[in-house]
C-alpha atoms as a PDB file:
ATOM      1  CA  MET A   1     -14.891  -0.580  15.315  1.00  0.00           C
ATOM      2  CA  GLU A   2     -11.273  -1.397  17.112  1.00  0.00           C
ATOM      3  CA  ARG A   3     -13.319  -4.363  18.985  1.00  0.00           C
ATOM      4  CA  PHE A   4     -14.196  -5.813  15.926  1.00  0.00           C
ATOM      5  CA  ALA A   5     -11.289  -6.110  14.669  1.00  0.00           C
ATOM      6  CA  THR A   6      -9.275  -7.309  17.748  1.00  0.00           C
ATOM      7  CA  ASP A   7     -12.190 -10.176  17.750  1.00  0.00           C
ATOM      8  CA  LYS A   8     -11.596 -11.038  14.299  1.00  0.00           C
ATOM      9  CA  ILE A   9      -7.960 -11.202  14.444  1.00  0.00           C
ATOM     10  CA  ASN A  10      -8.561 -13.542  17.667  1.00  0.00           C
ATOM     11  CA  GLU A  11     -10.909 -15.886  15.397  1.00  0.00           C
ATOM     12  CA  ILE A  12      -8.592 -16.150  12.624  1.00  0.00           C
ATOM     13  CA  SER A  13      -5.932 -16.466  14.894  1.00  0.00           C
ATOM     14  CA  SER A  14      -7.916 -19.536  16.445  1.00  0.00           C
ATOM     15  CA  ALA A  15      -8.792 -20.920  13.167  1.00  0.00           C
ATOM     16  CA  ALA A  16      -5.199 -20.494  11.672  1.00  0.00           C
ATOM     17  CA  LYS A  17      -4.042 -22.601  14.506  1.00  0.00           C
ATOM     18  CA  LYS A  18      -6.364 -25.786  14.140  1.00  0.00           C
ATOM     19  CA  SER A  19      -5.746 -25.770  10.487  1.00  0.00           C
ATOM     20  CA  PHE A  20      -1.824 -25.375  10.261  1.00  0.00           C
ATOM     21  CA  GLY A  21      -1.552 -29.229   9.929  1.00  0.00           C
ATOM     22  CA  ILE A  22       1.957 -29.095  11.368  1.00  0.00           C
ATOM     23  CA  LYS A  23       2.758 -28.999  15.046  1.00  0.00           C
ATOM     24  CA  TYR A  24       6.466 -28.050  15.116  1.00  0.00           C
ATOM     25  CA  CYS A  25       8.091 -24.934  14.449  1.00  0.00           C
ATOM     26  CA  LEU A  26       5.047 -22.865  15.088  1.00  0.00           C
ATOM     27  CA  ASP A  27       7.041 -20.086  16.945  1.00  0.00           C
ATOM     28  CA  SER A  28       9.452 -19.833  13.683  1.00  0.00           C
ATOM     29  CA  PHE A  29       6.469 -19.586  11.302  1.00  0.00           C
ATOM     30  CA  SER A  30       4.641 -16.905  13.562  1.00  0.00           C
ATOM     31  CA  LEU A  31       7.665 -14.837  13.344  1.00  0.00           C
ATOM     32  CA  GLN A  32       8.243 -15.322  10.148  1.00  0.00           C
ATOM     33  CA  LEU A  33       4.347 -14.212   9.716  1.00  0.00           C
ATOM     34  CA  ARG A  34       4.930 -11.249  12.026  1.00  0.00           C
ATOM     35  CA  LEU A  35       7.991  -9.937   9.760  1.00  0.00           C
ATOM     36  CA  LEU A  36       6.181 -10.266   6.388  1.00  0.00           C
ATOM     37  CA  ILE A  37       3.436  -8.134   7.846  1.00  0.00           C
ATOM     38  CA  GLU A  38       6.010  -5.522   9.233  1.00  0.00           C
ATOM     39  CA  GLN A  39       7.286  -5.388   5.693  1.00  0.00           C
ATOM     40  CA  ILE A  40       4.415  -5.332   4.182  1.00  0.00           C
ATOM     41  CA  ASN A  41       3.361  -2.229   6.477  1.00  0.00           C
ATOM     42  CA  PHE A  42       6.368  -0.613   6.022  1.00  0.00           C
ATOM     43  CA  ILE A  43       6.382  -0.938   1.723  1.00  0.00           C
ATOM     44  CA  GLU A  44       2.625   0.486   2.611  1.00  0.00           C
ATOM     45  CA  LYS A  45       3.909   3.707   4.237  1.00  0.00           C
ATOM     46  CA  GLN A  46       6.559   4.012   1.365  1.00  0.00           C
ATOM     47  CA  VAL A  47       3.969   3.781  -1.101  1.00  0.00           C
ATOM     48  CA  THR A  48       1.636   6.741   1.053  1.00  0.00           C
ATOM     49  CA  ASP A  49       4.963   8.667   1.389  1.00  0.00           C
ATOM     50  CA  VAL A  50       5.746   8.534  -2.812  1.00  0.00           C
ATOM     51  CA  GLU A  51       1.923   9.647  -3.544  1.00  0.00           C
ATOM     52  CA  GLU A  52       2.043  12.662  -0.923  1.00  0.00           C
ATOM     53  CA  GLN A  53       5.322  13.523  -2.842  1.00  0.00           C
ATOM     54  CA  ILE A  54       3.812  13.050  -6.334  1.00  0.00           C
ATOM     55  CA  SER A  55       0.961  15.145  -5.199  1.00  0.00           C
ATOM     56  CA  ALA A  56       2.916  18.077  -4.014  1.00  0.00           C
ATOM     57  CA  LEU A  57       5.253  17.876  -7.327  1.00  0.00           C
ATOM     58  CA  LEU A  58       2.125  17.794  -9.103  1.00  0.00           C
ATOM     59  CA  ASP A  59       0.683  20.733  -7.640  1.00  0.00           C
ATOM     60  CA  LYS A  60       3.790  22.713  -8.247  1.00  0.00           C
ATOM     61  CA  ILE A  61       4.078  22.247 -11.811  1.00  0.00           C
ATOM     62  CA  ASN A  62       0.146  22.699 -12.406  1.00  0.00           C
ATOM     63  CA  SER A  63      -0.535  20.824 -15.108  1.00  0.00           C
ATOM     64  CA  PRO A  64      -3.648  20.288 -16.744  1.00  0.00           C
ATOM     65  CA  ILE A  65      -3.464  16.643 -17.166  1.00  0.00           C
ATOM     66  CA  THR A  66      -5.231  16.139 -13.983  1.00  0.00           C
ATOM     67  CA  THR A  67      -8.264  18.096 -14.888  1.00  0.00           C
ATOM     68  CA  ILE A  68      -9.017  14.782 -17.361  1.00  0.00           C
ATOM     69  CA  PRO A  69     -11.511  12.613 -15.867  1.00  0.00           C
ATOM     70  CA  GLY A  70     -10.079   9.624 -14.616  1.00  0.00           C
ATOM     71  CA  ILE A  71      -6.217  10.460 -14.851  1.00  0.00           C
ATOM     72  CA  GLY A  72      -5.149  10.394 -11.027  1.00  0.00           C
ATOM     73  CA  ASN A  73      -1.670  11.760  -9.628  1.00  0.00           C
ATOM     74  CA  VAL A  74       0.000   8.852  -9.923  1.00  0.00           C
ATOM     75  CA  THR A  75      -1.063   8.342 -13.573  1.00  0.00           C
ATOM     76  CA  ALA A  76      -0.474  11.763 -14.451  1.00  0.00           C
ATOM     77  CA  ALA A  77       3.117  11.557 -12.956  1.00  0.00           C
ATOM     78  CA  THR A  78       3.258   8.558 -15.091  1.00  0.00           C
ATOM     79  CA  ILE A  79       2.239  10.120 -18.081  1.00  0.00           C
ATOM     80  CA  LEU A  80       4.354  13.368 -17.660  1.00  0.00           C
ATOM     81  CA  GLY A  81       7.028  11.347 -17.059  1.00  0.00           C
ATOM     82  CA  GLU A  82       7.204   9.714 -20.414  1.00  0.00           C
ATOM     83  CA  ILE A  83       6.011  12.682 -22.314  1.00  0.00           C
ATOM     84  CA  GLY A  84       7.767  15.733 -20.627  1.00  0.00           C
ATOM     85  CA  ASP A  85       5.991  19.225 -20.847  1.00  0.00           C
ATOM     86  CA  ILE A  86       2.373  18.538 -21.922  1.00  0.00           C
ATOM     87  CA  SER A  87       2.173  21.832 -23.587  1.00  0.00           C
ATOM     88  CA  ARG A  88       4.275  20.369 -26.610  1.00  0.00           C
ATOM     89  CA  PHE A  89       0.951  18.356 -27.551  1.00  0.00           C
END
């Protein structure tokens, strides 16, 4: 799998170099792309961390809302954040 990913990255890089259309500032554009990719990876890690925290908090309160089909942890947390204690309903 890793070999496939490396081959695909090289293929995409080669195609991008040929299709970019300009030859100047390639180092600057490469840096910008690397920084954007790092930001995306950082944000994805933060999302994962928040979702883990949401799951842990939902486990603590043991709300019945998570038993409803189609209601995942994030949706359940959103609903509970809006309505408060579900036992009022």
